[in-house]
Amino acid sequence: MKPTASSADEPLTVVWSSLWPSRPDDQIHFDLETAADGGTLLRFTLLAAGDAPDQSKTGHLLFRLNQLLFADLRYSYGQ
């Protein structure tokens, strides 16, 4: 499932729709902030609609997000 930006308060916040067909009402919120060194800090929050997923499912969801967001960065450092 491909996420879509369901809302944005550019350039500070972006909200993605769910990545998971089995959890269509979940959302991923991205918050951007300027760092003291001039860089950008990124915080993402997974908001689960309804019942919270168990620990195993949470691990799966976060693993998928980390792959989508940071895999290319890790690969660029040879990891």
PDB file of N, CA and C in Angstrom:
ATOM      1  N   MET A   1       0.850  -1.174   0.000  1.00  0.00           N
ATOM      2  CA  MET A   1       0.000   0.000   0.000  1.00  0.00           C
ATOM      3  C   MET A   1       0.896   1.237   0.000  1.00  0.00           C
ATOM      4  N   LYS A   2       0.604   2.157  -0.853  1.00  0.00           N
ATOM      5  CA  LYS A   2       1.407   3.373  -0.986  1.00  0.00           C
ATOM      6  C   LYS A   2       0.772   4.493  -0.158  1.00  0.00           C
ATOM      7  N   PRO A   3       1.580   5.162   0.675  1.00  0.00           N
ATOM      8  CA  PRO A   3       1.003   6.236   1.485  1.00  0.00           C
ATOM      9  C   PRO A   3       0.698   7.467   0.642  1.00  0.00           C
ATOM     10  N   THR A   4      -0.258   8.238   1.102  1.00  0.00           N
ATOM     11  CA  THR A   4      -0.535   9.533   0.503  1.00  0.00           C
ATOM     12  C   THR A   4      -0.489  10.570   1.613  1.00  0.00           C
ATOM     13  N   ALA A   5      -0.112  11.778   1.256  1.00  0.00           N
ATOM     14  CA  ALA A   5      -0.117  12.864   2.235  1.00  0.00           C
ATOM     15  C   ALA A   5      -1.571  13.290   2.419  1.00  0.00           C
ATOM     16  N   SER A   6      -2.115  13.013   3.596  1.00  0.00           N
ATOM     17  CA  SER A   6      -3.518  13.343   3.828  1.00  0.00           C
ATOM     18  C   SER A   6      -3.697  14.770   4.332  1.00  0.00           C
ATOM     19  N   SER A   7      -2.629  15.355   4.885  1.00  0.00           N
ATOM     20  CA  SER A   7      -2.665  16.765   5.267  1.00  0.00           C
ATOM     21  C   SER A   7      -1.237  17.246   5.476  1.00  0.00           C
ATOM     22  N   ALA A   8      -1.081  18.567   5.489  1.00  0.00           N
ATOM     23  CA  ALA A   8       0.247  19.134   5.708  1.00  0.00           C
ATOM     24  C   ALA A   8       0.105  20.555   6.219  1.00  0.00           C
ATOM     25  N   ASP A   9       1.024  20.932   7.084  1.00  0.00           N
ATOM     26  CA  ASP A   9       1.176  22.303   7.538  1.00  0.00           C
ATOM     27  C   ASP A   9       2.605  22.665   7.183  1.00  0.00           C
ATOM     28  N   GLU A  10       2.818  22.859   5.874  1.00  0.00           N
ATOM     29  CA  GLU A  10       4.179  23.046   5.364  1.00  0.00           C
ATOM     30  C   GLU A  10       4.828  24.253   6.007  1.00  0.00           C
ATOM     31  N   PRO A  11       6.069  24.204   6.326  1.00  0.00           N
ATOM     32  CA  PRO A  11       6.990  23.079   6.175  1.00  0.00           C
ATOM     33  C   PRO A  11       7.184  22.294   7.465  1.00  0.00           C
ATOM     34  N   LEU A  12       6.249  22.383   8.423  1.00  0.00           N
ATOM     35  CA  LEU A  12       6.484  21.808   9.745  1.00  0.00           C
ATOM     36  C   LEU A  12       5.909  20.420   9.974  1.00  0.00           C
ATOM     37  N   THR A  13       4.788  20.114   9.375  1.00  0.00           N
ATOM     38  CA  THR A  13       4.101  18.857   9.657  1.00  0.00           C
ATOM     39  C   THR A  13       3.528  18.265   8.377  1.00  0.00           C
ATOM     40  N   VAL A  14       3.676  16.949   8.241  1.00  0.00           N
ATOM     41  CA  VAL A  14       3.043  16.203   7.150  1.00  0.00           C
ATOM     42  C   VAL A  14       2.403  14.966   7.769  1.00  0.00           C
ATOM     43  N   VAL A  15       1.217  14.636   7.321  1.00  0.00           N
ATOM     44  CA  VAL A  15       0.516  13.440   7.800  1.00  0.00           C
ATOM     45  C   VAL A  15       0.320  12.507   6.620  1.00  0.00           C
ATOM     46  N   TRP A  16       0.819  11.263   6.787  1.00  0.00           N
ATOM     47  CA  TRP A  16       0.636  10.231   5.765  1.00  0.00           C
ATOM     48  C   TRP A  16      -0.538   9.352   6.142  1.00  0.00           C
ATOM     49  N   SER A  17      -1.197   8.842   5.123  1.00  0.00           N
ATOM     50  CA  SER A  17      -2.206   7.809   5.335  1.00  0.00           C
ATOM     51  C   SER A  17      -1.485   6.506   5.697  1.00  0.00           C
ATOM     52  N   SER A  18      -2.260   5.519   6.043  1.00  0.00           N
ATOM     53  CA  SER A  18      -1.702   4.229   6.461  1.00  0.00           C
ATOM     54  C   SER A  18      -0.928   3.542   5.346  1.00  0.00           C
ATOM     55  N   LEU A  19       0.077   2.779   5.750  1.00  0.00           N
ATOM     56  CA  LEU A  19       0.856   1.951   4.824  1.00  0.00           C
ATOM     57  C   LEU A  19       0.334   0.518   4.774  1.00  0.00           C
ATOM     58  N   TRP A  20      -0.583   0.183   5.650  1.00  0.00           N
ATOM     59  CA  TRP A  20      -0.975  -1.197   5.857  1.00  0.00           C
ATOM     60  C   TRP A  20      -2.447  -1.418   5.567  1.00  0.00           C
ATOM     61  N   PRO A  21      -2.753  -2.280   4.582  1.00  0.00           N
ATOM     62  CA  PRO A  21      -4.157  -2.564   4.259  1.00  0.00           C
ATOM     63  C   PRO A  21      -4.947  -3.089   5.455  1.00  0.00           C
ATOM     64  N   SER A  22      -4.305  -3.819   6.352  1.00  0.00           N
ATOM     65  CA  SER A  22      -5.002  -4.365   7.517  1.00  0.00           C
ATOM     66  C   SER A  22      -5.256  -3.308   8.597  1.00  0.00           C
ATOM     67  N   ARG A  23      -4.649  -2.119   8.455  1.00  0.00           N
ATOM     68  CA  ARG A  23      -4.807  -1.033   9.424  1.00  0.00           C
ATOM     69  C   ARG A  23      -5.047   0.283   8.670  1.00  0.00           C
ATOM     70  N   PRO A  24      -6.140   0.380   7.922  1.00  0.00           N
ATOM     71  CA  PRO A  24      -6.340   1.518   7.028  1.00  0.00           C
ATOM     72  C   PRO A  24      -6.530   2.864   7.722  1.00  0.00           C
ATOM     73  N   ASP A  25      -6.862   2.873   9.008  1.00  0.00           N
ATOM     74  CA  ASP A  25      -7.116   4.135   9.696  1.00  0.00           C
ATOM     75  C   ASP A  25      -5.906   4.676  10.453  1.00  0.00           C
ATOM     76  N   ASP A  26      -4.805   3.939  10.456  1.00  0.00           N
ATOM     77  CA  ASP A  26      -3.582   4.436  11.099  1.00  0.00           C
ATOM     78  C   ASP A  26      -3.037   5.622  10.306  1.00  0.00           C
ATOM     79  N   GLN A  27      -2.267   6.464  10.976  1.00  0.00           N
ATOM     80  CA  GLN A  27      -1.626   7.610  10.324  1.00  0.00           C
ATOM     81  C   GLN A  27      -0.191   7.725  10.815  1.00  0.00           C
ATOM     82  N   ILE A  28       0.657   8.305   9.976  1.00  0.00           N
ATOM     83  CA  ILE A  28       2.036   8.606  10.357  1.00  0.00           C
ATOM     84  C   ILE A  28       2.191  10.119  10.290  1.00  0.00           C
ATOM     85  N   HIS A  29       2.542  10.714  11.431  1.00  0.00           N
ATOM     86  CA  HIS A  29       2.747  12.164  11.510  1.00  0.00           C
ATOM     87  C   HIS A  29       4.249  12.438  11.499  1.00  0.00           C
ATOM     88  N   PHE A  30       4.682  13.343  10.633  1.00  0.00           N
ATOM     89  CA  PHE A  30       6.075  13.769  10.546  1.00  0.00           C
ATOM     90  C   PHE A  30       6.154  15.217  11.010  1.00  0.00           C
ATOM     91  N   ASP A  31       7.014  15.470  11.977  1.00  0.00           N
ATOM     92  CA  ASP A  31       7.233  16.824  12.479  1.00  0.00           C
ATOM     93  C   ASP A  31       8.676  17.209  12.198  1.00  0.00           C
ATOM     94  N   LEU A  32       8.857  18.345  11.557  1.00  0.00           N
ATOM     95  CA  LEU A  32      10.183  18.852  11.198  1.00  0.00           C
ATOM     96  C   LEU A  32      10.496  20.080  12.035  1.00  0.00           C
ATOM     97  N   GLU A  33      11.755  20.177  12.433  1.00  0.00           N
ATOM     98  CA  GLU A  33      12.193  21.287  13.271  1.00  0.00           C
ATOM     99  C   GLU A  33      13.617  21.661  12.884  1.00  0.00           C
ATOM    100  N   THR A  34      13.909  22.943  12.885  1.00  0.00           N
ATOM    101  CA  THR A  34      15.261  23.389  12.586  1.00  0.00           C
ATOM    102  C   THR A  34      16.165  23.106  13.779  1.00  0.00           C
ATOM    103  N   ALA A  35      17.305  22.461  13.506  1.00  0.00           N
ATOM    104  CA  ALA A  35      18.280  22.155  14.551  1.00  0.00           C
ATOM    105  C   ALA A  35      19.188  23.353  14.782  1.00  0.00           C
ATOM    106  N   ALA A  36      19.850  23.387  15.938  1.00  0.00           N
ATOM    107  CA  ALA A  36      20.752  24.482  16.290  1.00  0.00           C
ATOM    108  C   ALA A  36      21.890  24.620  15.278  1.00  0.00           C
ATOM    109  N   ASP A  37      22.312  23.514  14.669  1.00  0.00           N
ATOM    110  CA  ASP A  37      23.428  23.556  13.717  1.00  0.00           C
ATOM    111  C   ASP A  37      22.979  23.900  12.298  1.00  0.00           C
ATOM    112  N   GLY A  38      21.697  24.229  12.136  1.00  0.00           N
ATOM    113  CA  GLY A  38      21.182  24.577  10.815  1.00  0.00           C
ATOM    114  C   GLY A  38      20.591  23.403  10.062  1.00  0.00           C
ATOM    115  N   GLY A  39      20.718  22.203  10.597  1.00  0.00           N
ATOM    116  CA  GLY A  39      20.139  21.016   9.971  1.00  0.00           C
ATOM    117  C   GLY A  39      18.651  20.917  10.284  1.00  0.00           C
ATOM    118  N   THR A  40      18.102  19.767  10.031  1.00  0.00           N
ATOM    119  CA  THR A  40      16.685  19.544  10.277  1.00  0.00           C
ATOM    120  C   THR A  40      16.507  18.307  11.146  1.00  0.00           C
ATOM    121  N   LEU A  41      15.677  18.418  12.168  1.00  0.00           N
ATOM    122  CA  LEU A  41      15.318  17.284  13.014  1.00  0.00           C
ATOM    123  C   LEU A  41      13.989  16.729  12.516  1.00  0.00           C
ATOM    124  N   LEU A  42      13.896  15.404  12.445  1.00  0.00           N
ATOM    125  CA  LEU A  42      12.666  14.746  12.008  1.00  0.00           C
ATOM    126  C   LEU A  42      12.184  13.836  13.115  1.00  0.00           C
ATOM    127  N   ARG A  43      10.913  13.978  13.469  1.00  0.00           N
ATOM    128  CA  ARG A  43      10.285  13.053  14.416  1.00  0.00           C
ATOM    129  C   ARG A  43       9.058  12.491  13.718  1.00  0.00           C
ATOM    130  N   PHE A  44       8.924  11.171  13.737  1.00  0.00           N
ATOM    131  CA  PHE A  44       7.705  10.596  13.186  1.00  0.00           C
ATOM    132  C   PHE A  44       6.975   9.849  14.285  1.00  0.00           C
ATOM    133  N   THR A  45       5.651   9.920  14.214  1.00  0.00           N
ATOM    134  CA  THR A  45       4.798   9.302  15.220  1.00  0.00           C
ATOM    135  C   THR A  45       3.749   8.477  14.496  1.00  0.00           C
ATOM    136  N   LEU A  46       3.638   7.224  14.875  1.00  0.00           N
ATOM    137  CA  LEU A  46       2.607   6.352  14.335  1.00  0.00           C
ATOM    138  C   LEU A  46       1.392   6.447  15.241  1.00  0.00           C
ATOM    139  N   LEU A  47       0.282   6.886  14.696  1.00  0.00           N
ATOM    140  CA  LEU A  47      -0.961   6.977  15.459  1.00  0.00           C
ATOM    141  C   LEU A  47      -1.878   5.849  15.022  1.00  0.00           C
ATOM    142  N   ALA A  48      -2.204   4.980  15.965  1.00  0.00           N
ATOM    143  CA  ALA A  48      -3.044   3.825  15.682  1.00  0.00           C
ATOM    144  C   ALA A  48      -4.491   4.151  16.024  1.00  0.00           C
ATOM    145  N   ALA A  49      -5.349   3.971  15.063  1.00  0.00           N
ATOM    146  CA  ALA A  49      -6.781   4.163  15.295  1.00  0.00           C
ATOM    147  C   ALA A  49      -7.336   2.914  15.975  1.00  0.00           C
ATOM    148  N   GLY A  50      -8.282   3.099  16.849  1.00  0.00           N
ATOM    149  CA  GLY A  50      -8.880   1.946  17.520  1.00  0.00           C
ATOM    150  C   GLY A  50      -7.935   1.341  18.521  1.00  0.00           C
ATOM    151  N   ASP A  51      -7.947   0.018  18.615  1.00  0.00           N
ATOM    152  CA  ASP A  51      -7.104  -0.696  19.572  1.00  0.00           C
ATOM    153  C   ASP A  51      -5.636  -0.572  19.193  1.00  0.00           C
ATOM    154  N   ALA A  52      -4.801  -0.362  20.179  1.00  0.00           N
ATOM    155  CA  ALA A  52      -3.356  -0.296  19.944  1.00  0.00           C
ATOM    156  C   ALA A  52      -2.858  -1.680  19.520  1.00  0.00           C
ATOM    157  N   PRO A  53      -1.911  -1.726  18.586  1.00  0.00           N
ATOM    158  CA  PRO A  53      -1.368  -3.020  18.178  1.00  0.00           C
ATOM    159  C   PRO A  53      -0.544  -3.625  19.311  1.00  0.00           C
ATOM    160  N   ASP A  54      -0.453  -4.957  19.315  1.00  0.00           N
ATOM    161  CA  ASP A  54       0.385  -5.602  20.328  1.00  0.00           C
ATOM    162  C   ASP A  54       1.859  -5.321  20.024  1.00  0.00           C
ATOM    163  N   GLN A  55       2.732  -5.738  20.928  1.00  0.00           N
ATOM    164  CA  GLN A  55       4.161  -5.427  20.797  1.00  0.00           C
ATOM    165  C   GLN A  55       4.766  -5.982  19.512  1.00  0.00           C
ATOM    166  N   SER A  56       4.370  -7.180  19.119  1.00  0.00           N
ATOM    167  CA  SER A  56       4.892  -7.790  17.899  1.00  0.00           C
ATOM    168  C   SER A  56       4.473  -6.988  16.663  1.00  0.00           C
ATOM    169  N   LYS A  57       3.204  -6.615  16.605  1.00  0.00           N
ATOM    170  CA  LYS A  57       2.695  -5.848  15.462  1.00  0.00           C
ATOM    171  C   LYS A  57       3.330  -4.458  15.434  1.00  0.00           C
ATOM    172  N   THR A  58       3.502  -3.835  16.595  1.00  0.00           N
ATOM    173  CA  THR A  58       4.156  -2.530  16.665  1.00  0.00           C
ATOM    174  C   THR A  58       5.565  -2.616  16.098  1.00  0.00           C
ATOM    175  N   GLY A  59       6.298  -3.666  16.466  1.00  0.00           N
ATOM    176  CA  GLY A  59       7.647  -3.867  15.936  1.00  0.00           C
ATOM    177  C   GLY A  59       7.637  -3.978  14.423  1.00  0.00           C
ATOM    178  N   HIS A  60       6.681  -4.695  13.870  1.00  0.00           N
ATOM    179  CA  HIS A  60       6.558  -4.840  12.415  1.00  0.00           C
ATOM    180  C   HIS A  60       6.281  -3.495  11.753  1.00  0.00           C
ATOM    181  N   LEU A  61       5.354  -2.728  12.328  1.00  0.00           N
ATOM    182  CA  LEU A  61       4.993  -1.431  11.755  1.00  0.00           C
ATOM    183  C   LEU A  61       6.188  -0.477  11.767  1.00  0.00           C
ATOM    184  N   LEU A  62       6.911  -0.428  12.880  1.00  0.00           N
ATOM    185  CA  LEU A  62       8.064   0.464  12.983  1.00  0.00           C
ATOM    186  C   LEU A  62       9.209   0.010  12.076  1.00  0.00           C
ATOM    187  N   PHE A  63       9.392  -1.296  11.933  1.00  0.00           N
ATOM    188  CA  PHE A  63      10.420  -1.808  11.026  1.00  0.00           C
ATOM    189  C   PHE A  63      10.141  -1.338   9.598  1.00  0.00           C
ATOM    190  N   ARG A  64       8.896  -1.432   9.178  1.00  0.00           N
ATOM    191  CA  ARG A  64       8.508  -0.999   7.828  1.00  0.00           C
ATOM    192  C   ARG A  64       8.760   0.498   7.643  1.00  0.00           C
ATOM    193  N   LEU A  65       8.404   1.299   8.620  1.00  0.00           N
ATOM    194  CA  LEU A  65       8.662   2.735   8.531  1.00  0.00           C
ATOM    195  C   LEU A  65      10.156   3.030   8.459  1.00  0.00           C
ATOM    196  N   ASN A  66      10.950   2.369   9.287  1.00  0.00           N
ATOM    197  CA  ASN A  66      12.399   2.579   9.259  1.00  0.00           C
ATOM    198  C   ASN A  66      12.988   2.206   7.909  1.00  0.00           C
ATOM    199  N   GLN A  67      12.516   1.122   7.315  1.00  0.00           N
ATOM    200  CA  GLN A  67      12.993   0.734   5.984  1.00  0.00           C
ATOM    201  C   GLN A  67      12.669   1.807   4.958  1.00  0.00           C
ATOM    202  N   LEU A  68      11.432   2.280   4.963  1.00  0.00           N
ATOM    203  CA  LEU A  68      11.013   3.290   3.988  1.00  0.00           C
ATOM    204  C   LEU A  68      11.761   4.603   4.159  1.00  0.00           C
ATOM    205  N   LEU A  69      11.968   5.017   5.403  1.00  0.00           N
ATOM    206  CA  LEU A  69      12.543   6.334   5.664  1.00  0.00           C
ATOM    207  C   LEU A  69      14.061   6.362   5.670  1.00  0.00           C
ATOM    208  N   PHE A  70      14.701   5.292   6.155  1.00  0.00           N
ATOM    209  CA  PHE A  70      16.130   5.390   6.431  1.00  0.00           C
ATOM    210  C   PHE A  70      17.020   4.353   5.756  1.00  0.00           C
ATOM    211  N   ALA A  71      16.471   3.417   5.013  1.00  0.00           N
ATOM    212  CA  ALA A  71      17.298   2.365   4.411  1.00  0.00           C
ATOM    213  C   ALA A  71      18.322   2.938   3.458  1.00  0.00           C
ATOM    214  N   ASP A  72      17.932   3.835   2.569  1.00  0.00           N
ATOM    215  CA  ASP A  72      18.897   4.408   1.616  1.00  0.00           C
ATOM    216  C   ASP A  72      20.002   5.162   2.325  1.00  0.00           C
ATOM    217  N   LEU A  73      19.681   5.844   3.419  1.00  0.00           N
ATOM    218  CA  LEU A  73      20.708   6.543   4.186  1.00  0.00           C
ATOM    219  C   LEU A  73      21.716   5.549   4.746  1.00  0.00           C
ATOM    220  N   ARG A  74      21.237   4.454   5.328  1.00  0.00           N
ATOM    221  CA  ARG A  74      22.133   3.436   5.873  1.00  0.00           C
ATOM    222  C   ARG A  74      22.990   2.830   4.770  1.00  0.00           C
ATOM    223  N   TYR A  75      22.369   2.555   3.621  1.00  0.00           N
ATOM    224  CA  TYR A  75      23.112   1.963   2.518  1.00  0.00           C
ATOM    225  C   TYR A  75      24.197   2.897   2.017  1.00  0.00           C
ATOM    226  N   SER A  76      23.951   4.205   2.072  1.00  0.00           N
ATOM    227  CA  SER A  76      24.966   5.166   1.609  1.00  0.00           C
ATOM    228  C   SER A  76      26.204   5.155   2.497  1.00  0.00           C
ATOM    229  N   TYR A  77      26.050   4.680   3.741  1.00  0.00           N
ATOM    230  CA  TYR A  77      27.192   4.565   4.647  1.00  0.00           C
ATOM    231  C   TYR A  77      27.763   3.148   4.648  1.00  0.00           C
ATOM    232  N   GLY A  78      27.270   2.297   3.762  1.00  0.00           N
ATOM    233  CA  GLY A  78      27.778   0.938   3.640  1.00  0.00           C
ATOM    234  C   GLY A  78      27.284  -0.006   4.704  1.00  0.00           C
ATOM    235  N   GLN A  79      26.166   0.294   5.338  1.00  0.00           N
ATOM    236  CA  GLN A  79      25.649  -0.581   6.405  1.00  0.00           C
ATOM    237  C   GLN A  79      24.543  -1.445   5.870  1.00  0.00           C
TER     238      GLN A  79
END
